[in-house]
Amino acid sequence: MNTKPLAELLSRYAPHDGLFDLPIAGVRVFRVSKIDEVAVRGNSQPGICIIAQGAKRAIIGNDVYEYDDSRMAVYSTEVPVSAKIIQASEDEPYLCLIIDMDQQKLAETALKVFPYGLPKTAHTKPIFIGQANPHIIEAATRLIGLSAQTEVSTLLVPLVMEEIYIRLLQSHIGKLVVQIATTGSHLQKVSAAISWLQENFTEPMKVDELAERVNMSISSFHHHFKAITSMSPLQFQKELRLYEAKHLMLSKMMDVSTACMHVGYSSVSQFSREYSRFFGQPPSKDIQLHSMAV
């Protein structure tokens, strides 16, 4: 797989480490020149990640996903991700093209690719990993090249984006990708539940009520939620709360009891136990070590 032309173009738009927006809406370049010592936590967004150089490891729950210039990744929904760049250097930095998924456009394209009905699958995951497709690599390279051609980019960019969606839907992970745009799919329903949890994680949550909210049976909701997030809904909520509490204590200088209540816990002792199990040390120790570091 020849990704050098793409890497050269990405380097022009990412002259140093960081995340750079391209002149094309929803398209970005991420550059890193050294391996991450520790995982960086963030939230995934539906989109396509094409690595032109280097490699990355993403961890969601207990599941580990790795991809490089020979494998591309499609993020299907918004979930908490711990990520590490595992191959990068000053001479050959990690270079990744990120294309946000336009779900409406993907849905319109899927109807053209599958005119006799959208395929169904029982498999649901937050990340679909597939072999890098040379046609998608070539189309992505042309897409970046159009950034500098302002006189024709508004006309041609939508066509190249549609080509990328068509190639993706026709690939061996196409039946998985199409779920992102399929109204009423298990993936879309669980994604709606995830969005609700992220917006309301401090509130008490009953699984049966959340399942009813997204129009799923309790058993089906449990099964597909865990398949997508690698966690139960309650574990997912707990992780959201604990990470937010850690952020408040270390970045906002909030004390343990205030952070505990702020993220929805009613018991400081329960919060401290769960925090210690999750992070490996009590919140007070984290605060102390952070204070010493700064």
C-alpha atoms as a PDB file:
ATOM      1  CA  MET A   1       0.000   0.000   0.000  1.00  0.00           C
ATOM      2  CA  ASN A   2       1.574   3.281  -1.119  1.00  0.00           C
ATOM      3  CA  THR A   3       0.585   5.990   1.353  1.00  0.00           C
ATOM      4  CA  LYS A   4       3.612   8.245   0.742  1.00  0.00           C
ATOM      5  CA  PRO A   5       1.773  10.733  -1.533  1.00  0.00           C
ATOM      6  CA  LEU A   6      -0.931  11.098   1.139  1.00  0.00           C
ATOM      7  CA  ALA A   7       1.681  11.466   3.894  1.00  0.00           C
ATOM      8  CA  GLU A   8       3.463  14.214   1.943  1.00  0.00           C
ATOM      9  CA  LEU A   9       0.224  16.155   1.495  1.00  0.00           C
ATOM     10  CA  LEU A  10      -0.776  15.762   5.142  1.00  0.00           C
ATOM     11  CA  SER A  11       2.658  17.034   6.229  1.00  0.00           C
ATOM     12  CA  ARG A  12       2.035  20.281   4.368  1.00  0.00           C
ATOM     13  CA  TYR A  13      -1.157  20.917   6.300  1.00  0.00           C
ATOM     14  CA  ALA A  14       0.329  19.700   9.605  1.00  0.00           C
ATOM     15  CA  PRO A  15       3.810  21.306   9.778  1.00  0.00           C
ATOM     16  CA  HIS A  16       4.122  20.475  13.496  1.00  0.00           C
ATOM     17  CA  ASP A  17       2.392  18.322  16.093  1.00  0.00           C
ATOM     18  CA  GLY A  18      -1.283  18.961  16.659  1.00  0.00           C
ATOM     19  CA  LEU A  19      -4.751  18.742  15.127  1.00  0.00           C
ATOM     20  CA  PHE A  20      -5.301  20.873  12.031  1.00  0.00           C
ATOM     21  CA  ASP A  21      -8.530  21.728  10.225  1.00  0.00           C
ATOM     22  CA  LEU A  22      -8.354  21.586   6.457  1.00  0.00           C
ATOM     23  CA  PRO A  23     -10.213  24.046   4.206  1.00  0.00           C
ATOM     24  CA  ILE A  24     -12.683  21.201   3.611  1.00  0.00           C
ATOM     25  CA  ALA A  25     -15.410  21.073   6.287  1.00  0.00           C
ATOM     26  CA  GLY A  26     -15.226  18.014   8.529  1.00  0.00           C
ATOM     27  CA  VAL A  27     -11.719  17.008   7.432  1.00  0.00           C
ATOM     28  CA  ARG A  28      -8.718  17.250   9.770  1.00  0.00           C
ATOM     29  CA  VAL A  29      -5.104  16.119  10.045  1.00  0.00           C
ATOM     30  CA  PHE A  30      -3.530  14.849  13.263  1.00  0.00           C
ATOM     31  CA  ARG A  31       0.257  14.791  13.623  1.00  0.00           C
ATOM     32  CA  VAL A  32       2.347  13.372  16.495  1.00  0.00           C
ATOM     33  CA  SER A  33       6.153  13.086  16.515  1.00  0.00           C
ATOM     34  CA  LYS A  34       6.680  10.779  19.496  1.00  0.00           C
ATOM     35  CA  ILE A  35       5.148   7.689  21.054  1.00  0.00           C
ATOM     36  CA  ASP A  36       2.677   8.330  23.875  1.00  0.00           C
ATOM     37  CA  GLU A  37       3.926   7.160  27.271  1.00  0.00           C
ATOM     38  CA  VAL A  38       0.398   7.010  28.674  1.00  0.00           C
ATOM     39  CA  ALA A  39      -2.983   6.699  27.021  1.00  0.00           C
ATOM     40  CA  VAL A  40      -4.888   9.890  26.299  1.00  0.00           C
ATOM     41  CA  ARG A  41      -8.592   9.799  27.050  1.00  0.00           C
ATOM     42  CA  GLY A  42     -11.179  11.380  24.791  1.00  0.00           C
ATOM     43  CA  ASN A  43     -14.516  10.774  23.108  1.00  0.00           C
ATOM     44  CA  SER A  44     -14.711   9.241  19.665  1.00  0.00           C
ATOM     45  CA  GLN A  45     -16.904  10.732  16.940  1.00  0.00           C
ATOM     46  CA  PRO A  46     -18.375   8.883  13.951  1.00  0.00           C
ATOM     47  CA  GLY A  47     -15.770   9.134  11.244  1.00  0.00           C
ATOM     48  CA  ILE A  48     -13.066   7.575   9.082  1.00  0.00           C
ATOM     49  CA  CYS A  49      -9.438   7.471  10.207  1.00  0.00           C
ATOM     50  CA  ILE A  50      -6.846   6.891   7.497  1.00  0.00           C
ATOM     51  CA  ILE A  51      -3.277   6.612   8.739  1.00  0.00           C
ATOM     52  CA  ALA A  52      -0.659   7.620   6.204  1.00  0.00           C
ATOM     53  CA  GLN A  53       2.236   7.027   8.606  1.00  0.00           C
ATOM     54  CA  GLY A  54       2.669   5.531  12.086  1.00  0.00           C
ATOM     55  CA  ALA A  55       0.306   3.457  14.226  1.00  0.00           C
ATOM     56  CA  LYS A  56      -2.298   3.895  16.963  1.00  0.00           C
ATOM     57  CA  ARG A  57      -3.874   1.800  19.701  1.00  0.00           C
ATOM     58  CA  ALA A  58      -7.409   2.559  20.915  1.00  0.00           C
ATOM     59  CA  ILE A  59      -8.909   0.979  24.031  1.00  0.00           C
ATOM     60  CA  ILE A  60     -12.644   0.923  24.700  1.00  0.00           C
ATOM     61  CA  GLY A  61     -13.613  -0.980  27.825  1.00  0.00           C
ATOM     62  CA  ASN A  62     -11.674  -4.249  27.642  1.00  0.00           C
ATOM     63  CA  ASP A  63     -11.351  -4.212  23.857  1.00  0.00           C
ATOM     64  CA  VAL A  64      -8.123  -3.144  22.142  1.00  0.00           C
ATOM     65  CA  TYR A  65      -7.972  -1.942  18.537  1.00  0.00           C
ATOM     66  CA  GLU A  66      -4.762  -1.260  16.611  1.00  0.00           C
ATOM     67  CA  TYR A  67      -4.416   0.224  13.153  1.00  0.00           C
ATOM     68  CA  ASP A  68      -1.709   1.664  10.923  1.00  0.00           C
ATOM     69  CA  ASP A  69      -1.144   2.490   7.265  1.00  0.00           C
ATOM     70  CA  SER A  70      -2.255  -1.021   6.300  1.00  0.00           C
ATOM     71  CA  ARG A  71      -5.550  -0.880   8.252  1.00  0.00           C
ATOM     72  CA  MET A  72      -8.132   1.869   8.404  1.00  0.00           C
ATOM     73  CA  ALA A  73     -10.608   2.530  11.189  1.00  0.00           C
ATOM     74  CA  VAL A  74     -14.215   3.653  11.109  1.00  0.00           C
ATOM     75  CA  TYR A  75     -15.582   4.979  14.405  1.00  0.00           C
ATOM     76  CA  SER A  76     -19.288   4.203  14.516  1.00  0.00           C
ATOM     77  CA  THR A  77     -20.475   6.205  17.516  1.00  0.00           C
ATOM     78  CA  GLU A  78     -19.454   8.499  20.360  1.00  0.00           C
ATOM     79  CA  VAL A  79     -17.829   6.547  23.189  1.00  0.00           C
ATOM     80  CA  PRO A  80     -15.008   7.213  25.682  1.00  0.00           C
ATOM     81  CA  VAL A  81     -11.700   6.052  24.186  1.00  0.00           C
ATOM     82  CA  SER A  82      -8.226   5.723  25.678  1.00  0.00           C
ATOM     83  CA  ALA A  83      -5.746   6.103  22.833  1.00  0.00           C
ATOM     84  CA  LYS A  84      -1.982   5.837  22.407  1.00  0.00           C
ATOM     85  CA  ILE A  85       0.215   6.605  19.447  1.00  0.00           C
ATOM     86  CA  ILE A  86       2.445   3.522  19.336  1.00  0.00           C
ATOM     87  CA  GLN A  87       4.570   4.298  16.266  1.00  0.00           C
ATOM     88  CA  ALA A  88       5.921   7.778  15.595  1.00  0.00           C
ATOM     89  CA  SER A  89       9.206   9.691  15.418  1.00  0.00           C
ATOM     90  CA  GLU A  90      10.557  13.111  14.478  1.00  0.00           C
ATOM     91  CA  ASP A  91      11.663  11.782  11.089  1.00  0.00           C
ATOM     92  CA  GLU A  92       8.477   9.796  10.451  1.00  0.00           C
ATOM     93  CA  PRO A  93       5.657  11.319  12.522  1.00  0.00           C
ATOM     94  CA  TYR A  94       2.247   9.781  12.978  1.00  0.00           C
ATOM     95  CA  LEU A  95      -0.011  11.285  10.313  1.00  0.00           C
ATOM     96  CA  CYS A  96      -3.733  10.583  10.277  1.00  0.00           C
ATOM     97  CA  LEU A  97      -6.478  11.930   8.063  1.00  0.00           C
ATOM     98  CA  ILE A  98      -9.784  12.217   9.917  1.00  0.00           C
ATOM     99  CA  ILE A  99     -13.009  12.524   7.925  1.00  0.00           C
ATOM    100  CA  ASP A 100     -16.161  13.177   9.951  1.00  0.00           C
ATOM    101  CA  MET A 101     -19.044  10.943   9.004  1.00  0.00           C
ATOM    102  CA  ASP A 102     -21.966  12.816   7.441  1.00  0.00           C
ATOM    103  CA  GLN A 103     -24.691  10.367   8.425  1.00  0.00           C
ATOM    104  CA  GLN A 104     -27.279  11.903   6.103  1.00  0.00           C
ATOM    105  CA  LYS A 105     -24.910  11.705   3.129  1.00  0.00           C
ATOM    106  CA  LEU A 106     -23.893   8.172   4.099  1.00  0.00           C
ATOM    107  CA  ALA A 107     -27.571   7.165   4.225  1.00  0.00           C
ATOM    108  CA  GLU A 108     -28.227   8.650   0.771  1.00  0.00           C
ATOM    109  CA  THR A 109     -25.167   6.890  -0.653  1.00  0.00           C
ATOM    110  CA  ALA A 110     -26.135   3.579   0.979  1.00  0.00           C
ATOM    111  CA  LEU A 111     -29.448   3.602  -0.890  1.00  0.00           C
ATOM    112  CA  LYS A 112     -27.485   3.815  -4.157  1.00  0.00           C
ATOM    113  CA  VAL A 113     -25.020   1.093  -3.189  1.00  0.00           C
ATOM    114  CA  PHE A 114     -27.762  -1.200  -1.853  1.00  0.00           C
ATOM    115  CA  PRO A 115     -30.806  -0.382  -4.043  1.00  0.00           C
ATOM    116  CA  TYR A 116     -32.587  -3.624  -3.105  1.00  0.00           C
ATOM    117  CA  GLY A 117     -32.422  -3.096   0.632  1.00  0.00           C
ATOM    118  CA  LEU A 118     -29.802  -2.284   3.234  1.00  0.00           C
ATOM    119  CA  PRO A 119     -27.894  -5.297   4.594  1.00  0.00           C
ATOM    120  CA  LYS A 120     -28.401  -6.311   8.204  1.00  0.00           C
ATOM    121  CA  THR A 121     -25.853  -7.714  10.609  1.00  0.00           C
ATOM    122  CA  ALA A 122     -25.861  -8.773  14.239  1.00  0.00           C
ATOM    123  CA  HIS A 123     -22.344  -7.414  14.795  1.00  0.00           C
ATOM    124  CA  THR A 124     -22.054  -4.043  16.497  1.00  0.00           C
ATOM    125  CA  LYS A 125     -18.798  -2.417  17.548  1.00  0.00           C
ATOM    126  CA  PRO A 126     -17.644   1.130  18.314  1.00  0.00           C
ATOM    127  CA  ILE A 127     -14.754   0.742  15.845  1.00  0.00           C
ATOM    128  CA  PHE A 128     -14.670  -1.196  12.603  1.00  0.00           C
ATOM    129  CA  ILE A 129     -11.149  -2.097  11.476  1.00  0.00           C
ATOM    130  CA  GLY A 130     -10.602  -3.023   7.857  1.00  0.00           C
ATOM    131  CA  GLN A 131      -7.726  -3.464   5.455  1.00  0.00           C
ATOM    132  CA  ALA A 132      -6.679  -0.144   3.944  1.00  0.00           C
ATOM    133  CA  ASN A 133      -8.379   0.183   0.574  1.00  0.00           C
ATOM    134  CA  PRO A 134      -6.064   1.522  -2.175  1.00  0.00           C
ATOM    135  CA  HIS A 135      -9.028   3.180  -3.914  1.00  0.00           C
ATOM    136  CA  ILE A 136      -9.974   5.011  -0.706  1.00  0.00           C
ATOM    137  CA  ILE A 137      -6.334   6.031  -0.144  1.00  0.00           C
ATOM    138  CA  GLU A 138      -6.166   7.396  -3.687  1.00  0.00           C
ATOM    139  CA  ALA A 139      -9.500   9.221  -3.313  1.00  0.00           C
ATOM    140  CA  ALA A 140      -8.403  10.686   0.030  1.00  0.00           C
ATOM    141  CA  THR A 141      -5.197  11.930  -1.603  1.00  0.00           C
ATOM    142  CA  ARG A 142      -7.226  13.644  -4.323  1.00  0.00           C
ATOM    143  CA  LEU A 143      -9.533  15.101  -1.658  1.00  0.00           C
ATOM    144  CA  ILE A 144      -6.595  16.759   0.126  1.00  0.00           C
ATOM    145  CA  GLY A 145      -5.212  17.983  -3.180  1.00  0.00           C
ATOM    146  CA  LEU A 146      -8.512  19.780  -3.838  1.00  0.00           C
ATOM    147  CA  SER A 147      -8.012  21.894  -0.710  1.00  0.00           C
ATOM    148  CA  ALA A 148      -5.756  24.247  -2.663  1.00  0.00           C
ATOM    149  CA  GLN A 149      -7.991  24.362  -5.763  1.00  0.00           C
ATOM    150  CA  THR A 150     -10.581  26.827  -4.525  1.00  0.00           C
ATOM    151  CA  GLU A 151     -12.033  27.427  -7.983  1.00  0.00           C
ATOM    152  CA  VAL A 152     -13.219  23.824  -8.332  1.00  0.00           C
ATOM    153  CA  SER A 153     -13.200  22.424  -4.784  1.00  0.00           C
ATOM    154  CA  THR A 154     -16.851  23.298  -4.041  1.00  0.00           C
ATOM    155  CA  LEU A 155     -17.890  21.292  -7.089  1.00  0.00           C
ATOM    156  CA  LEU A 156     -15.527  18.343  -6.806  1.00  0.00           C
ATOM    157  CA  VAL A 157     -15.190  17.770  -3.040  1.00  0.00           C
ATOM    158  CA  PRO A 158     -18.778  16.403  -2.674  1.00  0.00           C
ATOM    159  CA  LEU A 159     -18.123  14.002  -5.549  1.00  0.00           C
ATOM    160  CA  VAL A 160     -14.897  12.687  -4.014  1.00  0.00           C
ATOM    161  CA  MET A 161     -16.556  12.373  -0.606  1.00  0.00           C
ATOM    162  CA  GLU A 162     -19.343  10.318  -2.192  1.00  0.00           C
ATOM    163  CA  GLU A 163     -16.732   8.131  -3.874  1.00  0.00           C
ATOM    164  CA  ILE A 164     -15.083   7.489  -0.498  1.00  0.00           C
ATOM    165  CA  TYR A 165     -18.457   6.512   0.996  1.00  0.00           C
ATOM    166  CA  ILE A 166     -19.184   4.222  -1.959  1.00  0.00           C
ATOM    167  CA  ARG A 167     -15.782   2.513  -1.691  1.00  0.00           C
ATOM    168  CA  LEU A 168     -16.272   2.146   2.058  1.00  0.00           C
ATOM    169  CA  LEU A 169     -19.761   0.667   1.736  1.00  0.00           C
ATOM    170  CA  GLN A 170     -18.536  -1.750  -0.948  1.00  0.00           C
ATOM    171  CA  SER A 171     -15.605  -2.898   1.194  1.00  0.00           C
ATOM    172  CA  HIS A 172     -15.660  -5.974   3.432  1.00  0.00           C
ATOM    173  CA  ILE A 173     -16.755  -3.819   6.389  1.00  0.00           C
ATOM    174  CA  GLY A 174     -19.510  -2.133   4.378  1.00  0.00           C
ATOM    175  CA  LYS A 175     -22.286  -4.151   6.030  1.00  0.00           C
ATOM    176  CA  LEU A 176     -21.052  -2.901   9.393  1.00  0.00           C
ATOM    177  CA  VAL A 177     -20.595   0.708   8.294  1.00  0.00           C
ATOM    178  CA  VAL A 178     -24.093   0.953   6.859  1.00  0.00           C
ATOM    179  CA  GLN A 179     -25.508   0.556  10.381  1.00  0.00           C
ATOM    180  CA  ILE A 180     -24.268   4.061  11.174  1.00  0.00           C
ATOM    181  CA  ALA A 181     -26.819   5.476   8.739  1.00  0.00           C
ATOM    182  CA  THR A 182     -29.616   2.915   9.146  1.00  0.00           C
ATOM    183  CA  THR A 183     -32.571   4.447  10.943  1.00  0.00           C
ATOM    184  CA  GLY A 184     -33.725   2.170  13.754  1.00  0.00           C
ATOM    185  CA  SER A 185     -30.611  -0.023  13.724  1.00  0.00           C
ATOM    186  CA  HIS A 186     -29.324  -1.344  17.028  1.00  0.00           C
ATOM    187  CA  LEU A 187     -26.272   0.872  16.585  1.00  0.00           C
ATOM    188  CA  GLN A 188     -28.361   4.025  16.154  1.00  0.00           C
ATOM    189  CA  LYS A 189     -30.538   3.160  19.151  1.00  0.00           C
ATOM    190  CA  VAL A 190     -27.568   2.475  21.418  1.00  0.00           C
ATOM    191  CA  SER A 191     -25.890   5.642  20.116  1.00  0.00           C
ATOM    192  CA  ALA A 192     -28.974   7.594  21.214  1.00  0.00           C
ATOM    193  CA  ALA A 193     -28.709   5.998  24.672  1.00  0.00           C
ATOM    194  CA  ILE A 194     -24.996   6.866  24.836  1.00  0.00           C
ATOM    195  CA  SER A 195     -25.768  10.491  23.972  1.00  0.00           C
ATOM    196  CA  TRP A 196     -28.393  10.632  26.717  1.00  0.00           C
ATOM    197  CA  LEU A 197     -25.972   9.180  29.269  1.00  0.00           C
ATOM    198  CA  GLN A 198     -23.217  11.616  28.351  1.00  0.00           C
ATOM    199  CA  GLU A 199     -25.573  14.552  28.738  1.00  0.00           C
ATOM    200  CA  ASN A 200     -27.188  13.261  31.955  1.00  0.00           C
ATOM    201  CA  PHE A 201     -24.524  11.134  33.658  1.00  0.00           C
ATOM    202  CA  THR A 202     -24.989  12.930  36.980  1.00  0.00           C
ATOM    203  CA  GLU A 203     -28.659  11.906  37.115  1.00  0.00           C
ATOM    204  CA  PRO A 204     -29.969   8.606  38.560  1.00  0.00           C
ATOM    205  CA  MET A 205     -30.411   6.072  35.785  1.00  0.00           C
ATOM    206  CA  LYS A 206     -32.661   3.028  35.484  1.00  0.00           C
ATOM    207  CA  VAL A 207     -31.694   0.656  32.696  1.00  0.00           C
ATOM    208  CA  ASP A 208     -35.271  -0.341  31.920  1.00  0.00           C
ATOM    209  CA  GLU A 209     -36.271   3.307  31.485  1.00  0.00           C
ATOM    210  CA  LEU A 210     -33.270   3.993  29.246  1.00  0.00           C
ATOM    211  CA  ALA A 211     -34.087   0.922  27.127  1.00  0.00           C
ATOM    212  CA  GLU A 212     -37.670   2.140  26.792  1.00  0.00           C
ATOM    213  CA  ARG A 213     -36.408   5.605  25.831  1.00  0.00           C
ATOM    214  CA  VAL A 214     -34.629   4.156  22.763  1.00  0.00           C
ATOM    215  CA  ASN A 215     -37.406   1.650  22.009  1.00  0.00           C
ATOM    216  CA  MET A 216     -35.527  -1.554  22.839  1.00  0.00           C
ATOM    217  CA  SER A 217     -36.303  -4.514  25.061  1.00  0.00           C
ATOM    218  CA  ILE A 218     -34.190  -4.693  28.206  1.00  0.00           C
ATOM    219  CA  SER A 219     -32.405  -7.883  27.110  1.00  0.00           C
ATOM    220  CA  SER A 220     -31.670  -6.562  23.612  1.00  0.00           C
ATOM    221  CA  PHE A 221     -30.529  -3.232  25.013  1.00  0.00           C
ATOM    222  CA  HIS A 222     -28.130  -4.892  27.470  1.00  0.00           C
ATOM    223  CA  HIS A 223     -26.707  -7.152  24.755  1.00  0.00           C
ATOM    224  CA  HIS A 224     -26.113  -4.470  22.131  1.00  0.00           C
ATOM    225  CA  PHE A 225     -24.977  -1.790  24.573  1.00  0.00           C
ATOM    226  CA  LYS A 226     -22.250  -4.093  25.878  1.00  0.00           C
ATOM    227  CA  ALA A 227     -21.299  -5.189  22.352  1.00  0.00           C
ATOM    228  CA  ILE A 228     -20.763  -1.567  21.335  1.00  0.00           C
ATOM    229  CA  THR A 229     -19.190  -0.114  24.486  1.00  0.00           C
ATOM    230  CA  SER A 230     -17.690  -3.243  26.128  1.00  0.00           C
ATOM    231  CA  MET A 231     -19.525  -2.134  29.276  1.00  0.00           C
ATOM    232  CA  SER A 232     -22.938  -2.350  30.867  1.00  0.00           C
ATOM    233  CA  PRO A 233     -24.948   0.900  30.970  1.00  0.00           C
ATOM    234  CA  LEU A 234     -24.244   1.231  34.708  1.00  0.00           C
ATOM    235  CA  GLN A 235     -20.505   0.690  34.187  1.00  0.00           C
ATOM    236  CA  PHE A 236     -20.565   3.236  31.372  1.00  0.00           C
ATOM    237  CA  GLN A 237     -22.237   5.814  33.611  1.00  0.00           C
ATOM    238  CA  LYS A 238     -19.771   5.080  36.414  1.00  0.00           C
ATOM    239  CA  GLU A 239     -16.794   5.598  34.104  1.00  0.00           C
ATOM    240  CA  LEU A 240     -18.195   8.917  32.887  1.00  0.00           C
ATOM    241  CA  ARG A 241     -18.656  10.054  36.492  1.00  0.00           C
ATOM    242  CA  LEU A 242     -15.206   8.978  37.654  1.00  0.00           C
ATOM    243  CA  TYR A 243     -13.339  10.570  34.769  1.00  0.00           C
ATOM    244  CA  GLU A 244     -15.273  13.816  35.186  1.00  0.00           C
ATOM    245  CA  ALA A 245     -14.561  13.810  38.935  1.00  0.00           C
ATOM    246  CA  LYS A 246     -10.857  13.299  38.247  1.00  0.00           C
ATOM    247  CA  HIS A 247     -10.889  16.175  35.775  1.00  0.00           C
ATOM    248  CA  LEU A 248     -12.611  18.461  38.300  1.00  0.00           C
ATOM    249  CA  MET A 249     -10.165  17.607  41.079  1.00  0.00           C
ATOM    250  CA  LEU A 250      -6.967  17.850  39.046  1.00  0.00           C
ATOM    251  CA  SER A 251      -7.844  20.653  36.628  1.00  0.00           C
ATOM    252  CA  LYS A 252     -10.377  22.695  38.589  1.00  0.00           C
ATOM    253  CA  MET A 253      -8.808  22.187  42.033  1.00  0.00           C
ATOM    254  CA  MET A 254     -12.079  20.829  43.432  1.00  0.00           C
ATOM    255  CA  ASP A 255     -11.926  18.892  46.712  1.00  0.00           C
ATOM    256  CA  VAL A 256     -12.950  15.224  46.910  1.00  0.00           C
ATOM    257  CA  SER A 257     -16.359  15.640  48.539  1.00  0.00           C
ATOM    258  CA  THR A 258     -17.415  18.487  46.239  1.00  0.00           C
ATOM    259  CA  ALA A 259     -16.336  16.599  43.102  1.00  0.00           C
ATOM    260  CA  CYS A 260     -18.097  13.498  44.394  1.00  0.00           C
ATOM    261  CA  MET A 261     -21.423  15.293  44.767  1.00  0.00           C
ATOM    262  CA  HIS A 262     -20.925  17.248  41.536  1.00  0.00           C
ATOM    263  CA  VAL A 263     -20.846  14.094  39.398  1.00  0.00           C
ATOM    264  CA  GLY A 264     -23.848  12.453  41.038  1.00  0.00           C
ATOM    265  CA  TYR A 265     -22.535  10.402  43.974  1.00  0.00           C
ATOM    266  CA  SER A 266     -24.393  10.724  47.283  1.00  0.00           C
ATOM    267  CA  SER A 267     -21.726   8.900  49.318  1.00  0.00           C
ATOM    268  CA  VAL A 268     -18.109  10.058  49.529  1.00  0.00           C
ATOM    269  CA  SER A 269     -16.981   6.678  50.851  1.00  0.00           C
ATOM    270  CA  GLN A 270     -18.603   4.830  47.923  1.00  0.00           C
ATOM    271  CA  PHE A 271     -17.053   7.340  45.502  1.00  0.00           C
ATOM    272  CA  SER A 272     -13.592   6.867  47.029  1.00  0.00           C
ATOM    273  CA  ARG A 273     -13.877   3.050  46.875  1.00  0.00           C
ATOM    274  CA  GLU A 274     -14.950   3.026  43.251  1.00  0.00           C
ATOM    275  CA  TYR A 275     -12.374   5.668  42.297  1.00  0.00           C
ATOM    276  CA  SER A 276      -9.596   3.637  43.963  1.00  0.00           C
ATOM    277  CA  ARG A 277     -10.641   0.424  42.197  1.00  0.00           C
ATOM    278  CA  PHE A 278     -10.849   2.174  38.833  1.00  0.00           C
ATOM    279  CA  PHE A 279      -7.708   4.352  38.942  1.00  0.00           C
ATOM    280  CA  GLY A 280      -5.599   2.229  41.303  1.00  0.00           C
ATOM    281  CA  GLN A 281      -5.284   4.807  44.076  1.00  0.00           C
ATOM    282  CA  PRO A 282      -7.633   6.974  46.161  1.00  0.00           C
ATOM    283  CA  PRO A 283      -8.659  10.430  44.922  1.00  0.00           C
ATOM    284  CA  SER A 284      -6.793  12.160  47.744  1.00  0.00           C
ATOM    285  CA  LYS A 285      -3.558  10.492  46.568  1.00  0.00           C
ATOM    286  CA  ASP A 286      -4.188  11.621  42.992  1.00  0.00           C
ATOM    287  CA  ILE A 287      -4.670  15.195  44.163  1.00  0.00           C
ATOM    288  CA  GLN A 288      -1.501  15.047  46.268  1.00  0.00           C
ATOM    289  CA  LEU A 289       0.636  13.680  43.411  1.00  0.00           C
ATOM    290  CA  HIS A 290      -0.795  16.243  40.993  1.00  0.00           C
ATOM    291  CA  SER A 291      -0.044  19.086  43.399  1.00  0.00           C
ATOM    292  CA  MET A 292       3.566  17.897  43.726  1.00  0.00           C
ATOM    293  CA  ALA A 293       3.934  17.662  39.946  1.00  0.00           C
ATOM    294  CA  VAL A 294       2.827  21.230  39.338  1.00  0.00           C
END
